Protein backbone atom coordinates (compact mmCIF):
# COMPACT_ATOMS: atom_id res chain seq x y z
CA UNK A 1 215.92 18.71 217.63
CA UNK A 2 213.45 17.52 215.53
CA UNK A 3 213.02 17.98 211.78
CA UNK A 4 209.86 20.03 212.29
CA UNK A 5 211.77 22.04 214.66
CA UNK A 6 214.45 22.71 212.58
CA UNK A 7 212.06 23.72 209.49
CA UNK A 8 210.64 26.08 211.97
CA UNK A 9 213.66 27.88 213.05
CA UNK A 10 215.17 27.79 209.19
CA UNK A 11 211.92 29.58 208.36
CA UNK A 12 212.01 32.11 211.27
CA UNK A 13 215.42 32.85 210.05
CA UNK A 14 214.32 33.46 206.70
CA UNK A 15 211.84 35.54 207.79
CA UNK A 16 213.96 37.84 210.18
CA UNK A 17 216.45 38.05 207.30
CA UNK A 18 213.80 39.43 205.08
CA UNK A 19 212.53 41.90 207.59
CA UNK A 20 215.93 43.23 208.20
CA UNK A 21 216.54 43.33 204.69
CA UNK A 22 213.42 45.25 204.08
CA UNK A 23 214.17 47.91 207.12
CA UNK A 24 217.52 48.22 205.85
CA UNK A 25 216.48 49.35 202.36
CA UNK A 26 213.60 51.62 203.83
CA UNK A 27 216.14 53.70 205.93
CA UNK A 28 218.88 53.32 203.31
CA UNK A 29 216.33 55.23 200.76
CA UNK A 30 215.00 57.69 203.71
CA UNK A 31 218.52 58.41 204.54
CA UNK A 32 219.52 58.76 200.86
CA UNK A 33 216.48 61.41 199.92
CA UNK A 34 217.85 63.73 202.44
CA UNK A 35 221.37 63.78 200.90
CA UNK A 36 221.74 65.08 197.21
CA UNK A 37 224.65 63.91 195.65
CA UNK A 38 225.29 64.30 191.77
CA UNK A 39 228.28 63.85 189.41
CA UNK A 40 228.01 65.40 186.24
CA UNK A 41 229.76 63.39 183.89
CA UNK A 42 228.59 65.10 180.31
CA UNK A 43 231.44 66.33 178.65
CA UNK A 44 229.84 69.76 177.92
CA UNK A 45 229.00 70.18 181.62
CA UNK A 46 225.20 70.54 180.73
CA UNK A 47 223.83 69.76 184.24
CA UNK A 48 225.98 72.20 186.06
CA UNK A 49 225.24 75.15 187.27
CA UNK A 50 227.84 78.41 186.52
CA UNK A 51 228.93 80.22 189.49
CA UNK A 52 227.01 83.47 188.72
CA UNK A 53 224.10 81.32 188.72
CA UNK A 54 224.64 79.99 191.78
CA UNK A 55 225.47 83.37 193.52
CA UNK A 56 222.02 84.84 192.36
CA UNK A 57 220.37 82.16 193.63
CA UNK A 58 221.75 81.50 196.64
CA UNK A 59 221.27 85.29 197.54
CA UNK A 60 217.15 85.38 197.20
CA UNK A 61 215.30 87.01 199.64
CA UNK A 62 212.09 86.01 199.04
CA UNK A 63 210.32 83.06 197.12
CA UNK A 64 209.71 82.84 193.17
CA UNK A 65 206.96 81.01 191.63
CA UNK A 66 207.17 79.68 188.34
CA UNK A 67 204.52 78.59 185.81
CA UNK A 68 206.07 76.91 182.75
CA UNK A 69 203.37 76.48 179.80
CA UNK A 70 204.98 73.42 178.43
CA UNK A 71 202.17 70.78 178.96
CA UNK A 72 199.83 68.88 177.63
CA UNK A 73 199.71 67.45 173.91
CA UNK A 74 203.15 68.90 172.49
CA UNK A 75 205.45 67.69 169.93
CA UNK A 76 208.49 65.16 170.82
CA UNK A 77 210.96 67.84 170.44
CA UNK A 78 209.07 70.02 172.65
CA UNK A 79 209.01 67.31 175.15
CA UNK A 80 212.72 66.94 175.03
CA UNK A 81 212.88 70.66 175.69
CA UNK A 82 210.28 70.35 178.67
CA UNK A 83 212.45 67.63 180.17
CA UNK A 84 215.30 70.17 179.91
CA UNK A 85 213.57 73.01 181.67
CA UNK A 86 212.21 70.57 184.06
CA UNK A 87 215.86 69.15 185.02
CA UNK A 88 217.34 72.86 185.19
CA UNK A 89 214.53 74.36 187.54
CA UNK A 90 214.89 71.74 189.96
CA UNK A 91 218.63 72.72 190.13
CA UNK A 92 217.67 76.10 190.41
CA UNK A 93 215.03 74.80 193.55
CA UNK A 94 217.70 73.01 195.18
CA UNK A 95 220.54 75.74 195.02
CA UNK A 96 218.08 78.40 196.27
CA UNK A 97 217.09 76.87 199.26
CA UNK A 98 214.04 75.55 197.83
CA UNK A 99 212.94 79.18 197.30
CA UNK A 100 211.86 78.53 194.12
CA UNK A 101 208.61 76.77 193.26
CA UNK A 102 207.48 75.89 189.71
CA UNK A 103 204.57 74.45 188.01
CA UNK A 104 204.07 73.05 184.29
CA UNK A 105 200.52 74.25 183.10
CA UNK A 106 198.88 73.47 179.90
CA UNK A 107 197.53 76.37 178.23
CA UNK A 108 194.98 74.48 176.39
CA UNK A 109 193.50 73.01 179.12
CA UNK A 110 190.43 74.94 179.09
CA UNK A 111 186.85 73.54 178.33
CA UNK A 112 185.45 75.71 175.63
CA UNK A 113 186.87 77.22 172.38
CA UNK A 114 185.92 80.41 174.15
CA UNK A 115 187.44 80.04 177.22
CA UNK A 116 191.02 78.70 175.60
CA UNK A 117 190.84 81.92 173.26
CA UNK A 118 190.98 84.10 176.13
CA UNK A 119 193.51 82.02 177.81
CA UNK A 120 195.81 82.24 175.12
CA UNK A 121 195.11 86.35 174.84
CA UNK A 122 195.74 86.75 178.60
CA UNK A 123 199.09 84.68 177.90
CA UNK A 124 200.16 86.88 174.67
CA UNK A 125 199.04 90.00 176.81
CA UNK A 126 201.68 88.95 179.47
CA UNK A 127 204.28 88.87 176.96
CA UNK A 128 204.51 85.36 176.02
CA UNK A 129 205.26 84.58 172.49
CA UNK A 130 202.52 81.93 170.78
CA UNK A 131 203.99 79.33 167.95
CA UNK A 132 201.74 77.73 165.65
CA UNK A 133 202.48 74.11 165.00
CA UNK A 134 200.57 71.83 162.28
CA UNK A 135 199.99 68.29 163.36
CA UNK A 136 198.50 65.50 161.48
CA UNK A 137 195.17 64.00 163.18
CA UNK A 138 193.94 60.18 163.04
CA UNK A 139 192.05 61.03 159.92
CA UNK A 140 194.95 61.83 157.81
CA UNK A 141 193.95 65.31 158.04
CA UNK A 142 195.96 68.25 159.86
CA UNK A 143 195.32 70.54 162.95
CA UNK A 144 197.22 73.49 163.99
CA UNK A 145 197.93 73.65 167.43
CA UNK A 146 199.05 76.72 169.61
CA UNK A 147 201.70 76.25 172.08
CA UNK A 148 203.32 79.00 174.46
CA UNK A 149 207.04 77.89 175.04
CA UNK A 150 207.92 79.90 177.99
CA UNK A 151 207.17 80.81 181.36
CA UNK A 152 206.03 83.76 183.72
CA UNK A 153 208.17 84.24 186.72
CA UNK A 154 206.00 85.74 189.67
CA UNK A 155 208.38 87.79 192.84
CA UNK A 156 206.48 89.87 195.12
CA UNK A 157 203.40 90.37 192.78
CA UNK A 158 205.42 91.07 189.89
CA UNK A 159 205.45 88.90 186.93
CA UNK A 160 207.70 88.55 184.05
CA UNK A 161 207.54 86.42 181.00
CA UNK A 162 210.51 84.26 179.56
CA UNK A 163 210.57 82.82 176.15
CA UNK A 164 212.70 80.39 175.76
CA UNK A 165 212.18 78.83 172.46
CA UNK A 166 214.63 79.77 169.49
CA UNK A 167 212.72 80.00 166.26
CA UNK A 168 215.11 80.64 163.48
CA UNK A 169 213.92 79.63 160.32
CA UNK A 170 217.23 78.96 158.53
CA UNK A 171 218.02 76.04 161.14
CA UNK A 172 216.16 72.80 161.38
CA UNK A 173 214.19 71.74 164.56
CA UNK A 174 216.91 70.02 166.37
CA UNK A 175 218.96 72.99 166.13
CA UNK A 176 216.39 75.25 167.34
CA UNK A 177 215.62 72.92 170.59
CA UNK A 178 219.44 72.70 170.94
CA UNK A 179 220.04 76.43 171.07
CA UNK A 180 216.78 76.97 173.20
CA UNK A 181 218.35 74.33 175.76
CA UNK A 182 221.96 76.21 175.57
CA UNK A 183 220.21 79.29 176.15
CA UNK A 184 218.08 78.22 179.20
CA UNK A 185 220.02 79.00 182.09
CA UNK A 186 220.83 82.55 180.61
CA UNK A 187 217.14 83.44 179.84
CA UNK A 188 215.88 82.27 183.19
CA UNK A 189 218.88 83.54 185.49
CA UNK A 190 218.95 86.84 183.96
CA UNK A 191 214.96 87.63 184.65
CA UNK A 192 215.24 86.42 188.18
CA UNK A 193 218.39 88.73 188.74
CA UNK A 194 216.85 91.59 187.13
CA UNK A 195 213.42 91.00 189.35
CA UNK A 196 215.57 90.66 192.38
CA UNK A 197 218.13 92.96 192.02
CA UNK A 198 218.04 96.04 194.38
CA UNK A 199 220.01 98.27 191.65
CA UNK A 200 218.32 98.97 188.52
CA UNK A 201 220.60 100.52 185.72
CA UNK A 202 219.56 103.74 183.93
CA UNK A 203 219.76 103.98 180.35
CA UNK A 204 219.46 107.10 178.06
CA UNK A 205 218.27 107.46 174.58
CA UNK A 206 220.25 110.77 173.25
CA UNK A 207 217.87 113.45 171.83
CA UNK A 208 218.72 117.00 170.44
CA UNK A 209 220.17 116.18 166.83
CA UNK A 210 216.85 114.87 165.26
CA UNK A 211 217.71 111.24 166.66
CA UNK A 212 214.89 108.60 165.74
CA UNK A 213 211.44 109.68 167.16
CA UNK A 214 210.18 108.05 170.42
CA UNK A 215 207.45 106.20 168.36
CA UNK A 216 209.97 104.75 166.17
CA UNK A 217 212.07 103.23 168.96
CA UNK A 218 208.90 102.41 171.04
CA UNK A 219 209.29 98.57 170.75
CA UNK A 220 212.71 98.31 171.60
CA UNK A 221 212.36 100.70 174.71
CA UNK A 222 209.43 98.59 175.85
CA UNK A 223 211.52 95.57 175.98
CA UNK A 224 214.86 97.22 177.23
CA UNK A 225 212.11 98.59 180.01
CA UNK A 226 211.86 95.32 181.54
CA UNK A 227 215.95 95.46 182.59
CA UNK A 228 216.52 99.23 182.81
CA UNK A 229 214.90 102.28 183.42
CA UNK A 230 214.74 104.47 180.26
CA UNK A 231 215.14 108.26 179.90
CA UNK A 232 215.15 110.33 176.90
CA UNK A 233 216.61 113.97 176.50
CA UNK A 234 219.46 116.28 175.37
CA UNK A 235 222.97 116.64 176.51
CA UNK A 236 222.68 120.77 176.22
CA UNK A 237 226.44 120.86 176.84
CA UNK A 238 226.26 120.42 180.56
CA UNK A 239 229.18 117.97 181.95
CA UNK A 240 228.24 115.15 184.14
CA UNK A 241 224.60 115.01 182.87
CA UNK A 242 225.12 111.58 181.52
CA UNK A 243 227.14 110.22 184.67
CA UNK A 244 224.12 108.64 186.08
CA UNK A 245 223.30 106.50 183.26
CA UNK A 246 225.10 102.64 183.00
CA UNK A 247 224.47 103.41 179.16
CA UNK A 248 223.63 105.60 176.25
CA UNK A 249 221.87 104.89 173.02
CA UNK A 250 222.35 107.35 169.95
CA UNK A 251 219.89 106.43 167.78
CA UNK A 252 220.19 107.77 164.12
CA UNK A 253 221.24 111.38 164.69
CA UNK A 254 220.72 113.44 161.48
CA UNK A 255 221.94 116.87 162.68
CA UNK A 256 226.04 117.70 163.69
CA UNK A 257 227.03 117.37 167.15
CA UNK A 258 228.54 120.77 168.42
CA UNK A 259 231.65 120.64 169.90
CA UNK A 260 230.25 121.05 173.50
CA UNK A 261 227.97 118.07 173.30
CA UNK A 262 230.95 116.17 171.92
CA UNK A 263 233.12 117.01 174.89
CA UNK A 264 230.63 116.06 177.25
CA UNK A 265 230.16 112.41 175.49
CA UNK A 266 233.86 112.08 175.50
CA UNK A 267 234.38 112.64 179.04
CA UNK A 268 231.38 110.30 180.17
CA UNK A 269 233.28 107.49 177.96
CA UNK A 270 236.55 108.35 179.49
CA UNK A 271 234.91 108.21 183.28
CA UNK A 272 233.49 104.43 182.30
CA UNK A 273 230.12 105.20 180.26
CA UNK A 274 228.77 102.74 177.52
CA UNK A 275 227.74 103.89 174.25
CA UNK A 276 226.07 102.37 171.45
CA UNK A 277 226.10 104.04 168.11
CA UNK A 278 223.80 103.97 165.53
CA UNK A 279 224.97 106.05 162.87
CA UNK A 280 223.85 106.84 158.95
CA UNK A 281 226.68 108.59 157.12
CA UNK A 282 224.43 108.43 153.99
CA UNK A 283 221.11 110.03 154.55
CA UNK A 284 218.40 108.46 152.01
CA UNK A 285 214.99 110.08 151.87
CA UNK A 286 212.62 106.98 152.12
CA UNK A 287 209.54 109.33 151.61
CA UNK A 288 211.03 110.11 148.21
CA UNK A 289 211.31 106.60 147.40
CA UNK A 290 207.64 105.90 147.33
CA UNK A 291 207.04 107.98 144.13
CA UNK A 292 209.50 105.40 142.51
CA UNK A 293 213.43 106.93 143.43
CA UNK A 294 215.12 108.66 145.97
CA UNK A 295 218.69 109.81 146.36
CA UNK A 296 221.52 108.88 148.85
CA UNK A 297 223.42 111.64 149.87
CA UNK A 298 226.77 112.08 152.54
CA UNK A 299 225.80 113.41 155.96
CA UNK A 300 228.48 113.97 158.08
CA UNK A 301 227.56 114.38 161.62
CA UNK A 302 230.90 115.91 163.31
CA UNK A 303 231.60 112.69 165.34
CA UNK A 304 233.88 110.95 163.08
CA UNK A 305 236.64 111.94 164.78
CA UNK A 306 235.33 111.05 168.29
CA UNK A 307 235.09 107.43 166.48
CA UNK A 308 238.00 107.41 164.85
CA UNK A 309 239.86 107.95 168.09
CA UNK A 310 237.90 105.08 169.68
CA UNK A 311 239.23 102.69 167.05
CA UNK A 312 236.34 102.79 164.45
CA UNK A 313 235.56 104.65 161.16
CA UNK A 314 232.11 104.36 159.32
CA UNK A 315 232.15 104.63 155.66
CA UNK A 316 229.94 106.82 153.88
CA UNK A 317 228.96 104.12 151.45
CA UNK A 318 225.77 102.13 151.03
CA UNK A 319 225.92 98.59 150.90
CA UNK A 320 224.07 96.26 148.71
CA UNK A 321 223.82 92.66 149.51
CA UNK A 322 222.53 89.72 147.40
CA UNK A 323 221.23 87.93 150.56
CA UNK A 324 218.61 90.60 151.08
CA UNK A 325 214.86 90.98 151.94
CA UNK A 326 212.17 91.14 149.74
CA UNK A 327 210.36 94.55 148.68
CA UNK A 328 206.56 94.03 147.32
CA UNK A 329 205.90 96.14 144.19
CA UNK A 330 202.66 96.56 141.99
CA UNK A 331 202.83 94.63 138.69
CA UNK A 332 200.59 95.43 135.73
CA UNK A 333 200.05 91.77 134.15
CA UNK A 334 196.99 91.29 131.77
CA UNK A 335 195.53 94.71 132.62
CA UNK A 336 195.34 93.44 136.41
CA UNK A 337 197.40 94.95 138.96
CA UNK A 338 198.98 92.98 141.61
CA UNK A 339 201.79 93.06 144.32
CA UNK A 340 204.89 90.64 143.51
CA UNK A 341 207.85 90.00 145.87
CA UNK A 342 211.22 90.95 144.66
CA UNK A 343 214.67 91.05 146.36
CA UNK A 344 215.60 94.44 147.08
CA UNK A 345 219.50 94.70 147.48
CA UNK A 346 219.04 98.05 149.85
CA UNK A 347 217.85 95.58 152.74
CA UNK A 348 220.89 93.36 153.36
CA UNK A 349 220.06 90.38 156.07
CA UNK A 350 223.18 90.67 158.60
CA UNK A 351 225.04 87.92 159.53
CA UNK A 352 225.51 87.53 163.45
CA UNK A 353 229.21 86.49 164.80
CA UNK A 354 228.30 82.81 165.80
CA UNK A 355 231.46 83.28 168.84
CA UNK A 356 230.26 86.10 170.96
CA UNK A 357 227.92 85.95 173.78
CA UNK A 358 225.58 89.10 172.01
CA UNK A 359 224.86 87.47 169.04
CA UNK A 360 225.13 83.83 169.52
CA UNK A 361 222.04 81.82 168.20
CA UNK A 362 220.21 84.77 167.38
CA UNK A 363 218.47 85.04 164.12
CA UNK A 364 219.81 87.37 160.82
CA UNK A 365 219.26 90.97 161.47
CA UNK A 366 217.67 93.37 159.04
CA UNK A 367 219.50 96.27 158.12
CA UNK A 368 218.35 98.96 155.90
CA UNK A 369 220.67 101.26 153.95
CA UNK A 370 223.64 99.93 155.59
CA UNK A 371 227.13 101.28 155.51
CA UNK A 372 230.21 99.48 156.65
CA UNK A 373 233.18 100.25 159.41
CA UNK A 374 236.78 99.94 159.30
CA UNK A 375 238.22 99.22 162.68
CA UNK A 376 241.49 101.61 163.14
CA UNK A 377 244.42 102.42 165.36
CA UNK A 378 246.90 99.69 166.97
CA UNK A 379 246.55 100.11 170.67
CA UNK A 380 246.65 96.75 171.90
CA UNK A 381 244.45 97.89 175.17
CA UNK A 382 241.36 98.04 172.72
CA UNK A 383 240.22 94.93 172.02
CA UNK A 384 237.56 94.65 168.42
CA UNK A 385 235.11 92.63 167.63
CA UNK A 386 233.08 92.39 164.56
CA UNK A 387 228.88 91.48 165.72
CA UNK A 388 227.35 91.75 162.62
CA UNK A 389 228.79 91.52 158.89
CA UNK A 390 227.10 91.57 155.27
CA UNK A 391 227.16 88.08 153.42
CA UNK A 392 229.89 87.10 150.74
CA UNK A 393 228.15 88.74 147.89
CA UNK A 394 228.08 92.53 148.83
CA UNK A 395 228.83 95.68 146.66
CA UNK A 396 229.74 99.02 147.88
CA UNK A 397 228.32 102.15 146.09
CA UNK A 398 229.58 105.68 146.72
CA UNK A 399 227.31 108.69 147.46
CA UNK A 400 225.81 110.68 145.70
CA UNK A 401 223.74 108.22 144.37
CA UNK A 402 220.38 107.47 142.63
CA UNK A 403 218.25 104.52 144.19
CA UNK A 404 215.16 103.47 142.35
CA UNK A 405 212.63 100.83 142.59
CA UNK A 406 213.27 99.87 138.84
CA UNK A 407 216.39 98.49 140.41
CA UNK A 408 214.48 95.15 142.18
CA UNK A 409 213.05 94.48 138.61
CA UNK A 410 216.38 94.11 137.19
CA UNK A 411 218.92 90.69 137.92
CA UNK A 412 222.25 91.98 139.39
CA UNK A 413 225.23 91.15 138.12
CA UNK A 414 226.84 89.16 140.50
CA UNK A 415 230.29 89.83 139.29
CA UNK A 416 229.98 92.86 140.45
CA UNK A 417 229.10 91.48 144.06
CA UNK A 418 232.89 91.06 144.88
CA UNK A 419 233.08 92.25 148.60
CA UNK A 420 232.49 89.92 151.32
CA UNK A 421 231.93 89.89 155.26
CA UNK A 422 231.86 93.71 155.36
CA UNK A 423 231.67 94.84 159.29
CA UNK A 424 228.62 96.31 160.10
CA UNK A 425 228.30 96.10 163.66
CA UNK A 426 231.71 96.23 165.85
CA UNK A 427 232.62 96.14 169.76
CA UNK A 428 235.38 98.06 170.90
CA UNK A 429 236.60 96.89 174.62
CA UNK A 430 239.50 98.50 176.44
CA UNK A 431 240.95 101.59 177.76
CA UNK A 432 239.94 104.38 175.25
CA UNK A 433 242.05 108.11 174.75
CA UNK A 434 240.03 111.34 174.72
CA UNK A 435 239.33 112.94 171.02
CA UNK A 436 240.05 116.01 173.04
CA UNK A 437 243.58 115.19 173.97
CA UNK A 438 246.14 117.55 173.38
CA UNK A 439 243.33 120.13 172.42
CA UNK A 440 242.41 123.46 174.34
CA UNK A 441 239.46 122.48 176.06
CA UNK A 442 237.03 125.42 177.45
CA UNK A 443 237.67 125.53 181.49
CA UNK A 444 234.19 124.48 182.91
CA UNK A 445 233.02 122.64 186.47
CA UNK A 446 234.52 119.41 185.45
CA UNK A 447 237.48 117.52 185.72
CA UNK A 448 238.95 116.68 182.07
CA UNK A 449 240.44 113.00 181.80
CA UNK A 450 242.56 112.36 178.76
CA UNK A 451 242.39 108.14 179.07
CA UNK A 452 239.44 106.21 180.26
CA UNK A 453 239.34 103.57 182.77
CA UNK A 454 238.22 100.00 181.29
CA UNK A 455 235.06 100.23 179.21
CA UNK A 456 232.90 99.21 176.24
CA UNK A 457 231.11 100.51 173.28
CA UNK A 458 229.12 99.13 170.15
CA UNK A 459 229.29 100.59 166.65
CA UNK A 460 226.49 100.27 164.35
CA UNK A 461 226.76 101.32 160.72
CA UNK A 462 222.96 101.57 160.19
CA UNK A 463 220.33 103.37 162.25
CA UNK A 464 217.58 101.70 160.86
CA UNK A 465 218.29 98.51 163.02
CA UNK A 466 216.95 100.04 166.18
CA UNK A 467 213.95 101.54 164.30
CA UNK A 468 210.38 99.93 164.30
CA UNK A 469 207.78 100.37 161.54
CA UNK A 470 204.27 102.32 162.94
CA UNK A 471 201.16 101.56 161.83
CA UNK A 472 199.06 104.77 161.36
CA UNK A 473 195.44 104.88 162.00
CA UNK A 474 194.26 108.49 161.61
CA UNK A 475 195.87 110.22 164.36
CA UNK A 476 196.55 107.09 166.61
CA UNK A 477 200.37 105.46 165.86
CA UNK A 478 200.87 102.42 166.86
CA UNK A 479 204.52 100.86 166.58
CA UNK A 480 205.23 97.34 165.34
CA UNK A 481 207.18 94.80 166.72
CA UNK A 482 211.07 95.35 165.92
CA UNK A 483 212.64 93.23 163.11
CA UNK A 484 209.30 91.68 162.02
CA UNK A 485 208.48 91.73 158.06
CA UNK A 486 205.34 93.30 157.53
CA UNK A 487 205.00 90.90 154.34
CA UNK A 488 206.45 87.43 155.54
CA UNK A 489 206.04 87.51 159.04
CA UNK A 490 209.36 86.72 159.71
CA UNK A 491 210.93 88.04 162.84
CA UNK A 492 214.79 88.74 162.44
CA UNK A 493 217.13 89.22 165.46
CA UNK A 494 217.45 93.18 165.60
CA UNK A 495 215.46 93.03 169.00
CA UNK A 496 217.56 90.48 170.45
CA UNK A 497 220.71 92.07 169.34
CA UNK A 498 219.97 95.20 170.94
CA UNK A 499 218.68 93.74 173.87
CA UNK A 500 221.73 91.54 174.49
CA UNK A 501 224.34 94.52 173.62
CA UNK A 502 222.83 96.63 176.46
CA UNK A 503 222.90 93.66 178.86
CA UNK A 504 226.57 92.81 177.75
CA UNK A 505 227.59 96.54 178.11
CA UNK A 506 226.59 96.67 182.03
CA UNK A 507 227.08 93.21 183.01
CA UNK A 508 229.16 93.24 186.32
CA UNK A 509 228.48 89.70 187.39
CA UNK A 510 229.29 87.61 184.21
CA UNK A 511 225.41 86.38 183.36
CA UNK A 512 226.37 87.19 179.78
CA UNK A 513 228.66 84.62 179.30
CA UNK A 514 226.49 81.95 179.88
CA UNK A 515 225.37 82.98 176.43
CA UNK A 516 228.33 81.30 175.00
CA UNK A 517 227.44 78.01 176.21
CA UNK A 518 227.83 75.48 174.05
CA UNK A 519 226.11 71.85 173.90
CA UNK A 520 226.68 69.45 171.04
CA UNK A 521 224.30 68.15 169.08
CA UNK A 522 224.63 64.25 169.08
CA UNK A 523 221.91 62.79 166.49
CA UNK A 524 221.83 59.63 165.27
CA UNK A 525 222.75 58.64 161.63
CA UNK A 526 219.87 58.23 159.69
CA UNK A 527 221.04 56.28 156.68
CA UNK A 528 222.57 53.67 159.14
CA UNK A 529 219.07 53.72 160.94
CA UNK A 530 217.74 52.70 157.74
CA UNK A 531 219.90 50.13 156.67
CA UNK A 532 220.33 48.35 160.12
CA UNK A 533 216.76 48.79 161.64
CA UNK A 534 216.08 45.33 161.60
CA UNK A 535 219.13 44.08 163.01
CA UNK A 536 218.62 46.87 165.91
CA UNK A 537 215.19 45.69 166.53
CA UNK A 538 216.05 42.21 166.92
CA UNK A 539 218.76 43.11 169.14
CA UNK A 540 216.72 44.97 171.42
CA UNK A 541 213.88 42.60 171.40
CA UNK A 542 216.17 39.40 172.07
CA UNK A 543 218.82 40.48 174.47
CA UNK A 544 216.42 41.28 177.27
CA UNK A 545 214.80 37.71 177.16
CA UNK A 546 218.45 36.07 176.71
CA UNK A 547 219.70 37.91 179.52
CA UNK A 548 216.65 36.62 181.35
CA UNK A 549 216.97 33.12 180.35
CA UNK A 550 220.69 32.86 181.26
CA UNK A 551 220.04 34.10 184.72
CA UNK A 552 217.44 31.73 185.40
CA UNK A 553 219.55 28.80 184.08
CA UNK A 554 222.45 30.00 186.14
CA UNK A 555 220.11 30.35 189.27
CA UNK A 556 218.68 26.82 188.76
CA UNK A 557 222.05 25.41 188.00
CA UNK A 558 223.52 26.87 191.17
CA UNK A 559 220.63 26.09 193.38
CA UNK A 560 220.55 22.16 192.62
CA UNK A 561 224.19 22.00 193.22
CA UNK A 562 224.21 23.60 196.49
CA UNK A 563 221.28 21.40 197.57
CA UNK A 564 221.63 18.27 195.67
CA UNK A 565 223.41 15.86 198.74
């Protein structure tokens, strides 16, 4: 064989090897695209869907289309949130058998400012909460950018908004983003579960005892209506009238309960019913406070024996707290009247429990003339958990007491505020004894039970937590957002607390446990970054060049050694 023929055969073999290798790579890549195989090596399993989530997604009957409004020129922290949303939705899409489709949309993509404002108004009208961010421009100034960190779920023509950005002013941006990522799976799957569920739970607001008027609970009713069918009505002593409801809300009664209504409530609980009690044991007339002062008076409601038997006692005290909201008062200075903001110790900022799915990662809850709760009884079958508490600097005052606006102008004596962490909201979970046990019960068309099946209830020693303010414009009454401070605009966690409480009470599939998910915040050490910045820059710059140089040297060395005769 001549040298030319030998070289030609070598070239042919080389080309054939190249074609085989390329073909193998293409076939392997095509096969790999049809097989999804992932191992979550993260310590907190942040990339693994929970069992309840997989069950909901695998049972989807129709397709769901999701529009995510996290696109465009957004800050870097929100880009990380966007990446987490994208990764989670991709997991949802695969777990659902590709019945979930999603798209990222820039809400500011409209050409003109008028069209952009119309788009903003449309998204806000659909329930997405805008966030205004201030960003620096190229000329050294600053501009305000409006973003909508949320999504719209569309299922069979029904749209449901999901707002997933936590905005707790007490936390840093990084922590808020982390908490948002922690809650992503729950926020999205809860809405999907509600949209696709064949069963819609019914929730009743109790009436007949001078409860908070409907206009003053309108905001929370509107938001609960996304998850439940909401009714209002009185018991009227009719047994079984509450049996069709998954939960009952008792919002700020001012009139005593009669024994017939108490028995109906008691037997509803004995049959597994759930109740949230918003109770004020001390009555405060706010209309009188507008004239400078008012009184706090003890007002029993004749349900104290029920709550005591179930394991809670609402103490008839008013709690004053140094960690409180502000009140705006007129001040005459130099002949001119102006409003000044002063701390109002009767409006505490209640601290949510960090280790329960109801209150985890929610903002502080705003209270008004709150009392406090003692847990009573030693029944081991009832688990008790404090959900909301006061700060470490509180003071208890017993009625009757005079409440004056002049107190806001005085400097409180911190030595008097020597109570700490007083429970204001308590969860009771377990088997309860009837408050009518060993008592003569009037016969009726019901089967009396003296012990409940396992059930749950929440007792809150402040009715104003569920009350929204009302703006009146002549005969028109407009309910304002629950928990929003009308002076500062800050939004407290009242709404989240109540919605989470109802969802937890009726939760049968374990979705609420997803809110307990915890991801570790792994931040870089800023001090080390500043001190070692040059070293790390050189390392990142020179290491790739060094690797390429060493690789090239070794390749040349072994090639010469192989082909040099």
